Amino acid sequence: MTANPPKLNALSPQTAYQLADISKTRPQYGALTPRWLTRLLEFKALNSGIYRVNKVLEEGDTPLDVLCGQDPDTVEIPQGYVPYEPKPREYILNSISAIINVDTKVSDVYSSPYDQTAEQLALAIESLRERQESQIINNDDYGLLKNVAESQRIKTRNGSPTPDDLDELLSKVWKEPSFFLAHPRAVAAFAREATRRGVPPATVNILGGVFIAWRGVPLIPTDKLFVDGLKYPKGPTGKTNILLIRTGEARRGVVGLYQANLPGDQSRGLSLRLRGVIDLGLAT
C-alpha cells in the first residue's frame, strides 16, 4: 500500500505576487521605424518658411557661349548672360500638429517609475516624425514620388527588380547618387535576384546600420514606399517604387526643410507648447 503524500501549507506564487516589485518597461510602439530617410537627408533651416529653387533656363549644351581656342583670326568674344527661370518653384512649409491630453490626477499619482506626461509626449513626437517621413515621400505637392520627372522614370524589365534595372537607374542619376530608397520587400527581392545571378550585393555600414549596396550605393529600406498602396502588403508579390536619390544642396540634390527658432523649440523644427489646465484638471 502507498501512503498519501503530506499536504504542504506554504506561501504560493499567486499570493507572493501581491507583494512583489515588478520590473516595468516604457511603452513600446510597434509601428515605429528607424526612419533612415530623415536621418540621411541634409536639412536646411528656414527663417521665413519659404524655399525658392532658382534654376537656369537651359538652352543648348551650355547656358552661355564662350570662346575656346587660340585662332589668331578670332577677334570677337561671344557676349550674353545666363538667363534664369522667371517663375521658379517655391516650397512653403507645412505644419503637422497634435494635441495630447493628460489628466493631472493621473500624472500626479502614477508618476513613478515613468513620468506619464513625458511618455505621452515622447510617443506623440515619434508619431509626428513617422508622419513627416511619409509626407516627404508621398505628399501630393512636395513628395519625392510626385516630383520625379517623367524622363527620370523607368520600369523593371521582368517584374522583380534586377541588377540591370538598378544600373539603368544609376545611368539617370549618375552625378553623385547618394542612396536607393525602397520598401523592405523590394530590397529583399533585389537581393534574391542578384544572388540568383551570382552577384550577391555587398554590405555597407551607415549610422550604425548594415545595408546591402549595389555599385557602392546603399539600398535604404522604408515602409513609406507602399506595395500595392499598402504599408503592410498581404500577398507575396505586388507593385512598388524604388527611388534613387542625390542629397544635399551643394550637389543640387534633395534637402529637407524646417522652420528655425520656433517658440518652445525642442528639436529640429519641433515645438512643444503647454496650452493650459482646465478646471477639471485636464492638461493639454
C-alpha atoms as a PDB file:
ATOM      1  CA  MET A   1       0.000   0.000   0.000  1.00  0.00           C
ATOM      2  CA  THR A   2       1.158   3.599  -0.777  1.00  0.00           C
ATOM      3  CA  ALA A   3       0.612   6.328   1.755  1.00  0.00           C
ATOM      4  CA  ASN A   4      -0.878   9.644   0.612  1.00  0.00           C
ATOM      5  CA  PRO A   5       1.784  12.396   0.350  1.00  0.00           C
ATOM      6  CA  PRO A   6       1.515  15.091   3.005  1.00  0.00           C
ATOM      7  CA  LYS A   7      -0.186  18.338   2.057  1.00  0.00           C
ATOM      8  CA  LEU A   8       2.089  21.389   2.140  1.00  0.00           C
ATOM      9  CA  ASN A   9       0.794  24.602   3.655  1.00  0.00           C
ATOM     10  CA  ALA A  10       3.173  27.184   2.175  1.00  0.00           C
ATOM     11  CA  LEU A  11       3.100  30.611   0.571  1.00  0.00           C
ATOM     12  CA  SER A  12       2.070  30.194  -3.069  1.00  0.00           C
ATOM     13  CA  PRO A  13       3.462  32.141  -6.022  1.00  0.00           C
ATOM     14  CA  GLN A  14      -0.002  33.595  -6.600  1.00  0.00           C
ATOM     15  CA  THR A  15      -0.062  35.042  -3.088  1.00  0.00           C
ATOM     16  CA  ALA A  16       3.524  36.272  -3.139  1.00  0.00           C
ATOM     17  CA  TYR A  17       2.834  38.099  -6.417  1.00  0.00           C
ATOM     18  CA  GLN A  18       0.835  40.714  -4.499  1.00  0.00           C
ATOM     19  CA  LEU A  19       3.941  41.917  -2.636  1.00  0.00           C
ATOM     20  CA  ALA A  20       6.441  41.527  -5.431  1.00  0.00           C
ATOM     21  CA  ASP A  21       8.124  44.519  -7.005  1.00  0.00           C
ATOM     22  CA  ILE A  22       7.542  44.322 -10.779  1.00  0.00           C
ATOM     23  CA  SER A  23      10.054  45.401 -13.397  1.00  0.00           C
ATOM     24  CA  LYS A  24       8.366  47.588 -15.972  1.00  0.00           C
ATOM     25  CA  THR A  25       9.321  48.906 -19.389  1.00  0.00           C
ATOM     26  CA  ARG A  26       8.498  52.115 -21.147  1.00  0.00           C
ATOM     27  CA  PRO A  27       5.520  51.900 -23.536  1.00  0.00           C
ATOM     28  CA  GLN A  28       6.597  50.150 -26.714  1.00  0.00           C
ATOM     29  CA  TYR A  29       5.234  51.443 -30.010  1.00  0.00           C
ATOM     30  CA  GLY A  30       5.375  48.650 -32.585  1.00  0.00           C
ATOM     31  CA  ALA A  31       4.740  50.904 -35.598  1.00  0.00           C
ATOM     32  CA  LEU A  32       7.936  52.916 -35.111  1.00  0.00           C
ATOM     33  CA  THR A  33      10.625  52.565 -37.776  1.00  0.00           C
ATOM     34  CA  PRO A  34      14.297  53.621 -37.927  1.00  0.00           C
ATOM     35  CA  ARG A  35      13.335  56.485 -40.307  1.00  0.00           C
ATOM     36  CA  TRP A  36      16.611  56.303 -42.204  1.00  0.00           C
ATOM     37  CA  LEU A  37      15.443  58.813 -44.814  1.00  0.00           C
ATOM     38  CA  THR A  38      15.139  61.720 -42.388  1.00  0.00           C
ATOM     39  CA  ARG A  39      18.487  60.764 -40.854  1.00  0.00           C
ATOM     40  CA  LEU A  40      20.293  60.679 -44.199  1.00  0.00           C
ATOM     41  CA  LEU A  41      18.799  63.845 -45.696  1.00  0.00           C
ATOM     42  CA  GLU A  42      20.512  67.184 -45.308  1.00  0.00           C
ATOM     43  CA  PHE A  43      18.076  69.521 -43.525  1.00  0.00           C
ATOM     44  CA  LYS A  44      18.107  73.262 -44.173  1.00  0.00           C
ATOM     45  CA  ALA A  45      16.834  75.736 -41.590  1.00  0.00           C
ATOM     46  CA  LEU A  46      14.470  78.429 -42.880  1.00  0.00           C
ATOM     47  CA  ASN A  47      13.594  81.738 -41.274  1.00  0.00           C
ATOM     48  CA  SER A  48      10.639  82.659 -43.469  1.00  0.00           C
ATOM     49  CA  GLY A  49       9.093  79.245 -44.152  1.00  0.00           C
ATOM     50  CA  ILE A  50       9.592  79.640 -47.922  1.00  0.00           C
ATOM     51  CA  TYR A  51      12.268  77.937 -50.034  1.00  0.00           C
ATOM     52  CA  ARG A  52      12.722  79.142 -53.608  1.00  0.00           C
ATOM     53  CA  VAL A  53      14.568  76.922 -56.107  1.00  0.00           C
ATOM     54  CA  ASN A  54      16.117  79.185 -58.737  1.00  0.00           C
ATOM     55  CA  LYS A  55      17.065  77.430 -61.956  1.00  0.00           C
ATOM     56  CA  VAL A  56      18.852  78.355 -65.157  1.00  0.00           C
ATOM     57  CA  LEU A  57      16.959  78.266 -68.444  1.00  0.00           C
ATOM     58  CA  GLU A  58      18.843  75.534 -70.259  1.00  0.00           C
ATOM     59  CA  GLU A  59      19.168  76.126 -73.982  1.00  0.00           C
ATOM     60  CA  GLY A  60      21.820  74.108 -75.783  1.00  0.00           C
ATOM     61  CA  ASP A  61      24.811  72.341 -74.263  1.00  0.00           C
ATOM     62  CA  THR A  62      25.879  75.283 -72.075  1.00  0.00           C
ATOM     63  CA  PRO A  63      23.920  78.318 -70.844  1.00  0.00           C
ATOM     64  CA  LEU A  64      26.466  80.776 -72.293  1.00  0.00           C
ATOM     65  CA  ASP A  65      28.558  80.732 -75.491  1.00  0.00           C
ATOM     66  CA  VAL A  66      32.264  81.080 -74.744  1.00  0.00           C
ATOM     67  CA  LEU A  67      35.456  81.489 -76.728  1.00  0.00           C
ATOM     68  CA  CYS A  68      37.702  78.434 -76.827  1.00  0.00           C
ATOM     69  CA  GLY A  69      40.872  78.232 -78.906  1.00  0.00           C
ATOM     70  CA  GLN A  70      43.963  80.129 -79.991  1.00  0.00           C
ATOM     71  CA  ASP A  71      42.968  81.034 -83.542  1.00  0.00           C
ATOM     72  CA  PRO A  72      44.569  84.465 -84.214  1.00  0.00           C
ATOM     73  CA  ASP A  73      41.813  85.290 -86.709  1.00  0.00           C
ATOM     74  CA  THR A  74      39.200  85.066 -83.972  1.00  0.00           C
ATOM     75  CA  VAL A  75      38.689  88.534 -82.613  1.00  0.00           C
ATOM     76  CA  GLU A  76      35.085  88.525 -81.451  1.00  0.00           C
ATOM     77  CA  ILE A  77      34.298  87.185 -77.988  1.00  0.00           C
ATOM     78  CA  PRO A  78      30.725  85.899 -77.580  1.00  0.00           C
ATOM     79  CA  GLN A  79      28.502  88.123 -75.471  1.00  0.00           C
ATOM     80  CA  GLY A  80      25.424  87.368 -73.422  1.00  0.00           C
ATOM     81  CA  TYR A  81      24.289  86.319 -69.973  1.00  0.00           C
ATOM     82  CA  VAL A  82      22.879  83.280 -68.220  1.00  0.00           C
ATOM     83  CA  PRO A  83      19.048  83.530 -68.050  1.00  0.00           C
ATOM     84  CA  TYR A  84      17.013  82.292 -65.076  1.00  0.00           C
ATOM     85  CA  GLU A  85      13.519  80.870 -64.910  1.00  0.00           C
ATOM     86  CA  PRO A  86      11.159  83.849 -64.435  1.00  0.00           C
ATOM     87  CA  LYS A  87       8.821  81.977 -62.079  1.00  0.00           C
ATOM     88  CA  PRO A  88      10.872  79.478 -60.051  1.00  0.00           C
ATOM     89  CA  ARG A  89       9.305  76.814 -57.871  1.00  0.00           C
ATOM     90  CA  GLU A  90       8.677  77.782 -54.256  1.00  0.00           C
ATOM     91  CA  TYR A  91       8.162  75.365 -51.391  1.00  0.00           C
ATOM     92  CA  ILE A  92       6.121  76.588 -48.430  1.00  0.00           C
ATOM     93  CA  LEU A  93       6.457  74.694 -45.170  1.00  0.00           C
ATOM     94  CA  ASN A  94       3.527  72.662 -43.896  1.00  0.00           C
ATOM     95  CA  SER A  95       2.906  72.083 -40.209  1.00  0.00           C
ATOM     96  CA  ILE A  96       1.929  68.800 -38.563  1.00  0.00           C
ATOM     97  CA  SER A  97       0.141  69.245 -35.250  1.00  0.00           C
ATOM     98  CA  ALA A  98      -1.280  67.132 -32.461  1.00  0.00           C
ATOM     99  CA  ILE A  99      -2.802  67.760 -29.019  1.00  0.00           C
ATOM    100  CA  ILE A 100      -2.062  65.473 -26.077  1.00  0.00           C
ATOM    101  CA  ASN A 101      -4.496  65.378 -23.128  1.00  0.00           C
ATOM    102  CA  VAL A 102      -3.312  64.107 -19.740  1.00  0.00           C
ATOM    103  CA  ASP A 103      -5.416  64.120 -16.575  1.00  0.00           C
ATOM    104  CA  THR A 104      -3.299  65.807 -13.904  1.00  0.00           C
ATOM    105  CA  LYS A 105      -4.613  63.368 -11.292  1.00  0.00           C
ATOM    106  CA  VAL A 106      -3.151  60.534 -13.336  1.00  0.00           C
ATOM    107  CA  SER A 107       0.168  62.259 -13.968  1.00  0.00           C
ATOM    108  CA  ASP A 108       0.485  63.180 -10.264  1.00  0.00           C
ATOM    109  CA  VAL A 109      -0.397  59.811  -8.759  1.00  0.00           C
ATOM    110  CA  TYR A 110       1.121  57.464 -11.335  1.00  0.00           C
ATOM    111  CA  SER A 111       4.391  59.326 -11.902  1.00  0.00           C
ATOM    112  CA  SER A 112       6.795  56.550 -10.887  1.00  0.00           C
ATOM    113  CA  PRO A 113       8.854  54.973 -12.351  1.00  0.00           C
ATOM    114  CA  TYR A 114       7.945  56.865 -15.525  1.00  0.00           C
ATOM    115  CA  ASP A 115       6.596  60.378 -15.941  1.00  0.00           C
ATOM    116  CA  GLN A 116       3.223  59.814 -17.613  1.00  0.00           C
ATOM    117  CA  THR A 117       3.187  63.196 -19.350  1.00  0.00           C
ATOM    118  CA  ALA A 118       6.716  62.788 -20.667  1.00  0.00           C
ATOM    119  CA  GLU A 119       5.920  59.319 -22.027  1.00  0.00           C
ATOM    120  CA  GLN A 120       2.797  60.586 -23.795  1.00  0.00           C
ATOM    121  CA  LEU A 121       4.760  63.435 -25.354  1.00  0.00           C
ATOM    122  CA  ALA A 122       7.551  61.100 -26.462  1.00  0.00           C
ATOM    123  CA  LEU A 123       5.055  58.818 -28.218  1.00  0.00           C
ATOM    124  CA  ALA A 124       3.346  61.807 -29.842  1.00  0.00           C
ATOM    125  CA  ILE A 125       6.687  63.078 -31.149  1.00  0.00           C
ATOM    126  CA  GLU A 126       7.507  59.659 -32.602  1.00  0.00           C
ATOM    127  CA  SER A 127       4.111  59.631 -34.344  1.00  0.00           C
ATOM    128  CA  LEU A 128       4.770  63.075 -35.819  1.00  0.00           C
ATOM    129  CA  ARG A 129       8.203  62.004 -37.066  1.00  0.00           C
ATOM    130  CA  GLU A 130       6.689  58.932 -38.745  1.00  0.00           C
ATOM    131  CA  ARG A 131       4.137  61.165 -40.482  1.00  0.00           C
ATOM    132  CA  GLN A 132       6.887  63.579 -41.514  1.00  0.00           C
ATOM    133  CA  GLU A 133       8.856  60.853 -43.303  1.00  0.00           C
ATOM    134  CA  SER A 134       5.720  59.605 -45.036  1.00  0.00           C
ATOM    135  CA  GLN A 135       4.912  63.127 -46.254  1.00  0.00           C
ATOM    136  CA  ILE A 136       8.440  63.635 -47.612  1.00  0.00           C
ATOM    137  CA  ILE A 137       7.862  60.627 -49.855  1.00  0.00           C
ATOM    138  CA  ASN A 138       4.131  60.675 -50.618  1.00  0.00           C
ATOM    139  CA  ASN A 139       2.832  64.247 -50.302  1.00  0.00           C
ATOM    140  CA  ASP A 140       0.894  65.293 -53.427  1.00  0.00           C
ATOM    141  CA  ASP A 141       2.685  68.654 -53.571  1.00  0.00           C
ATOM    142  CA  TYR A 142       6.295  68.242 -52.463  1.00  0.00           C
ATOM    143  CA  GLY A 143       6.618  64.460 -52.076  1.00  0.00           C
ATOM    144  CA  LEU A 144       9.543  62.762 -53.794  1.00  0.00           C
ATOM    145  CA  LEU A 145       7.314  60.414 -55.783  1.00  0.00           C
ATOM    146  CA  LYS A 146       5.231  63.254 -57.229  1.00  0.00           C
ATOM    147  CA  ASN A 147       8.250  65.350 -58.239  1.00  0.00           C
ATOM    148  CA  VAL A 148      10.168  62.817 -60.327  1.00  0.00           C
ATOM    149  CA  ALA A 149      10.308  63.959 -63.957  1.00  0.00           C
ATOM    150  CA  GLU A 150       8.886  61.539 -66.498  1.00  0.00           C
ATOM    151  CA  SER A 151      12.270  61.367 -68.218  1.00  0.00           C
ATOM    152  CA  GLN A 152      13.731  60.005 -64.979  1.00  0.00           C
ATOM    153  CA  ARG A 153      11.227  57.149 -64.605  1.00  0.00           C
ATOM    154  CA  ILE A 154      11.828  53.578 -65.759  1.00  0.00           C
ATOM    155  CA  LYS A 155      10.024  50.264 -65.421  1.00  0.00           C
ATOM    156  CA  THR A 156      11.558  46.943 -64.485  1.00  0.00           C
ATOM    157  CA  ARG A 157      12.208  44.528 -67.290  1.00  0.00           C
ATOM    158  CA  ASN A 158      10.650  41.413 -65.818  1.00  0.00           C
ATOM    159  CA  GLY A 159       8.713  42.284 -62.669  1.00  0.00           C
ATOM    160  CA  SER A 160      11.152  41.880 -59.799  1.00  0.00           C
ATOM    161  CA  PRO A 161      13.942  44.493 -59.624  1.00  0.00           C
ATOM    162  CA  THR A 162      17.175  43.209 -61.142  1.00  0.00           C
ATOM    163  CA  PRO A 163      20.770  44.466 -61.276  1.00  0.00           C
ATOM    164  CA  ASP A 164      20.022  45.646 -64.832  1.00  0.00           C
ATOM    165  CA  ASP A 165      17.158  47.833 -63.563  1.00  0.00           C
ATOM    166  CA  LEU A 166      19.264  49.424 -60.841  1.00  0.00           C
ATOM    167  CA  ASP A 167      22.064  50.026 -63.343  1.00  0.00           C
ATOM    168  CA  GLU A 168      19.596  51.878 -65.558  1.00  0.00           C
ATOM    169  CA  LEU A 169      18.526  53.992 -62.590  1.00  0.00           C
ATOM    170  CA  LEU A 170      22.168  54.793 -61.915  1.00  0.00           C
ATOM    171  CA  SER A 171      22.501  55.990 -65.507  1.00  0.00           C
ATOM    172  CA  LYS A 172      19.732  58.516 -64.760  1.00  0.00           C
ATOM    173  CA  VAL A 173      21.290  59.853 -61.546  1.00  0.00           C
ATOM    174  CA  TRP A 174      24.955  59.320 -62.366  1.00  0.00           C
ATOM    175  CA  LYS A 175      26.063  62.640 -60.867  1.00  0.00           C
ATOM    176  CA  GLU A 176      26.840  61.640 -57.282  1.00  0.00           C
ATOM    177  CA  PRO A 177      23.919  59.360 -56.323  1.00  0.00           C
ATOM    178  CA  SER A 178      23.512  59.016 -52.553  1.00  0.00           C
ATOM    179  CA  PHE A 179      21.257  56.009 -51.961  1.00  0.00           C
ATOM    180  CA  PHE A 180      18.395  53.898 -53.252  1.00  0.00           C
ATOM    181  CA  LEU A 181      15.154  54.024 -51.265  1.00  0.00           C
ATOM    182  CA  ALA A 182      12.792  51.043 -51.382  1.00  0.00           C
ATOM    183  CA  HIS A 183      10.261  49.022 -49.405  1.00  0.00           C
ATOM    184  CA  PRO A 184      11.937  46.227 -47.413  1.00  0.00           C
ATOM    185  CA  ARG A 185      10.253  43.656 -49.655  1.00  0.00           C
ATOM    186  CA  ALA A 186      11.705  45.306 -52.758  1.00  0.00           C
ATOM    187  CA  VAL A 187      15.161  45.283 -51.165  1.00  0.00           C
ATOM    188  CA  ALA A 188      14.777  41.583 -50.368  1.00  0.00           C
ATOM    189  CA  ALA A 189      13.520  40.833 -53.889  1.00  0.00           C
ATOM    190  CA  PHE A 190      16.535  42.566 -55.427  1.00  0.00           C
ATOM    191  CA  ALA A 191      18.943  40.711 -53.131  1.00  0.00           C
ATOM    192  CA  ARG A 192      17.397  37.373 -54.147  1.00  0.00           C
ATOM    193  CA  GLU A 193      17.623  38.205 -57.849  1.00  0.00           C
ATOM    194  CA  ALA A 194      21.214  39.426 -57.602  1.00  0.00           C
ATOM    195  CA  THR A 195      22.219  36.336 -55.635  1.00  0.00           C
ATOM    196  CA  ARG A 196      20.483  34.083 -58.159  1.00  0.00           C
ATOM    197  CA  ARG A 197      22.581  35.678 -60.893  1.00  0.00           C
ATOM    198  CA  GLY A 198      25.758  35.007 -58.952  1.00  0.00           C
ATOM    199  CA  VAL A 199      26.437  38.641 -57.999  1.00  0.00           C
ATOM    200  CA  PRO A 200      25.294  38.880 -54.365  1.00  0.00           C
ATOM    201  CA  PRO A 201      25.312  42.526 -53.254  1.00  0.00           C
ATOM    202  CA  ALA A 202      27.923  43.766 -50.794  1.00  0.00           C
ATOM    203  CA  THR A 203      27.040  45.363 -47.459  1.00  0.00           C
ATOM    204  CA  VAL A 204      27.893  48.808 -46.065  1.00  0.00           C
ATOM    205  CA  ASN A 205      27.645  50.338 -42.606  1.00  0.00           C
ATOM    206  CA  ILE A 206      25.875  53.678 -42.256  1.00  0.00           C
ATOM    207  CA  LEU A 207      24.923  55.359 -38.959  1.00  0.00           C
ATOM    208  CA  GLY A 208      25.299  52.053 -37.147  1.00  0.00           C
ATOM    209  CA  GLY A 209      23.055  50.153 -39.577  1.00  0.00           C
ATOM    210  CA  VAL A 210      24.031  47.460 -42.085  1.00  0.00           C
ATOM    211  CA  PHE A 211      22.611  47.781 -45.609  1.00  0.00           C
ATOM    212  CA  ILE A 212      23.117  45.943 -48.848  1.00  0.00           C
ATOM    213  CA  ALA A 213      24.590  48.039 -51.665  1.00  0.00           C
ATOM    214  CA  TRP A 214      24.736  47.934 -55.439  1.00  0.00           C
ATOM    215  CA  ARG A 215      27.686  49.534 -57.261  1.00  0.00           C
ATOM    216  CA  GLY A 216      28.614  51.024 -53.905  1.00  0.00           C
ATOM    217  CA  VAL A 217      25.240  52.779 -53.499  1.00  0.00           C
ATOM    218  CA  PRO A 218      23.290  51.543 -50.430  1.00  0.00           C
ATOM    219  CA  LEU A 219      19.681  50.352 -50.608  1.00  0.00           C
ATOM    220  CA  ILE A 220      17.855  52.015 -47.711  1.00  0.00           C
ATOM    221  CA  PRO A 221      14.599  50.321 -46.613  1.00  0.00           C
ATOM    222  CA  THR A 222      11.451  52.254 -45.730  1.00  0.00           C
ATOM    223  CA  ASP A 223       7.862  51.123 -45.328  1.00  0.00           C
ATOM    224  CA  LYS A 224       6.661  54.576 -46.501  1.00  0.00           C
ATOM    225  CA  LEU A 225       7.099  53.401 -50.108  1.00  0.00           C
ATOM    226  CA  PHE A 226       3.994  51.253 -50.262  1.00  0.00           C
ATOM    227  CA  VAL A 227       3.424  47.935 -52.040  1.00  0.00           C
ATOM    228  CA  ASP A 228       0.115  47.984 -53.913  1.00  0.00           C
ATOM    229  CA  GLY A 229      -0.751  51.055 -51.864  1.00  0.00           C
ATOM    230  CA  LEU A 230      -0.234  49.267 -48.546  1.00  0.00           C
ATOM    231  CA  LYS A 231       2.431  49.664 -45.886  1.00  0.00           C
ATOM    232  CA  TYR A 232       1.973  46.029 -44.880  1.00  0.00           C
ATOM    233  CA  PRO A 233       1.064  44.109 -48.074  1.00  0.00           C
ATOM    234  CA  LYS A 234      -0.824  40.875 -47.591  1.00  0.00           C
ATOM    235  CA  GLY A 235       0.267  39.000 -50.711  1.00  0.00           C
ATOM    236  CA  PRO A 236       3.765  37.722 -51.521  1.00  0.00           C
ATOM    237  CA  THR A 237       4.057  39.989 -54.598  1.00  0.00           C
ATOM    238  CA  GLY A 238       2.937  43.443 -55.641  1.00  0.00           C
ATOM    239  CA  LYS A 239       3.906  46.714 -57.318  1.00  0.00           C
ATOM    240  CA  THR A 240       6.069  49.328 -55.632  1.00  0.00           C
ATOM    241  CA  ASN A 241       8.579  52.088 -56.378  1.00  0.00           C
ATOM    242  CA  ILE A 242      12.336  52.335 -55.940  1.00  0.00           C
ATOM    243  CA  LEU A 243      13.858  55.817 -55.722  1.00  0.00           C
ATOM    244  CA  LEU A 244      17.471  56.740 -56.406  1.00  0.00           C
ATOM    245  CA  ILE A 245      18.228  59.948 -54.535  1.00  0.00           C
ATOM    246  CA  ARG A 246      21.005  62.501 -54.643  1.00  0.00           C
ATOM    247  CA  THR A 247      21.048  64.549 -51.450  1.00  0.00           C
ATOM    248  CA  GLY A 248      22.469  67.890 -50.374  1.00  0.00           C
ATOM    249  CA  GLU A 249      22.010  71.465 -51.523  1.00  0.00           C
ATOM    250  CA  ALA A 250      25.659  71.738 -52.632  1.00  0.00           C
ATOM    251  CA  ARG A 251      25.121  68.815 -55.038  1.00  0.00           C
ATOM    252  CA  ARG A 252      21.764  70.132 -56.307  1.00  0.00           C
ATOM    253  CA  GLY A 253      20.080  67.242 -54.557  1.00  0.00           C
ATOM    254  CA  VAL A 254      17.141  66.642 -52.234  1.00  0.00           C
ATOM    255  CA  VAL A 255      17.045  68.562 -48.960  1.00  0.00           C
ATOM    256  CA  GLY A 256      14.653  68.591 -46.045  1.00  0.00           C
ATOM    257  CA  LEU A 257      13.282  71.897 -44.770  1.00  0.00           C
ATOM    258  CA  TYR A 258      12.380  73.042 -41.291  1.00  0.00           C
ATOM    259  CA  GLN A 259      11.496  76.283 -39.541  1.00  0.00           C
ATOM    260  CA  ALA A 260      14.220  77.593 -37.244  1.00  0.00           C
ATOM    261  CA  ASN A 261      13.843  79.440 -33.930  1.00  0.00           C
ATOM    262  CA  LEU A 262      10.342  78.260 -33.056  1.00  0.00           C
ATOM    263  CA  PRO A 263       8.892  79.227 -29.657  1.00  0.00           C
ATOM    264  CA  GLY A 264       9.247  76.232 -27.365  1.00  0.00           C
ATOM    265  CA  ASP A 265      11.727  74.609 -29.770  1.00  0.00           C
ATOM    266  CA  GLN A 266      12.532  71.042 -28.615  1.00  0.00           C
ATOM    267  CA  SER A 267      14.470  69.728 -31.608  1.00  0.00           C
ATOM    268  CA  ARG A 268      14.793  70.365 -35.353  1.00  0.00           C
ATOM    269  CA  GLY A 269      11.528  72.043 -36.341  1.00  0.00           C
ATOM    270  CA  LEU A 270       9.628  70.631 -33.357  1.00  0.00           C
ATOM    271  CA  SER A 271       7.856  72.982 -30.965  1.00  0.00           C
ATOM    272  CA  LEU A 272       6.140  71.993 -27.711  1.00  0.00           C
ATOM    273  CA  ARG A 273       3.676  74.333 -26.004  1.00  0.00           C
ATOM    274  CA  LEU A 274       1.564  73.852 -22.894  1.00  0.00           C
ATOM    275  CA  ARG A 275      -1.955  75.062 -23.707  1.00  0.00           C
ATOM    276  CA  GLY A 276      -3.028  75.075 -20.087  1.00  0.00           C
ATOM    277  CA  VAL A 277      -5.039  73.137 -17.494  1.00  0.00           C
ATOM    278  CA  ILE A 278      -8.830  73.379 -17.433  1.00  0.00           C
ATOM    279  CA  ASP A 279     -10.969  73.357 -14.275  1.00  0.00           C
ATOM    280  CA  LEU A 280     -11.432  69.568 -14.394  1.00  0.00           C
ATOM    281  CA  GLY A 281      -7.654  69.097 -14.151  1.00  0.00           C
ATOM    282  CA  LEU A 282      -7.049  68.126 -17.773  1.00  0.00           C
ATOM    283  CA  ALA A 283      -3.676  69.328 -19.063  1.00  0.00           C
ATOM    284  CA  THR A 284      -3.284  69.800 -22.840  1.00  0.00           C
END
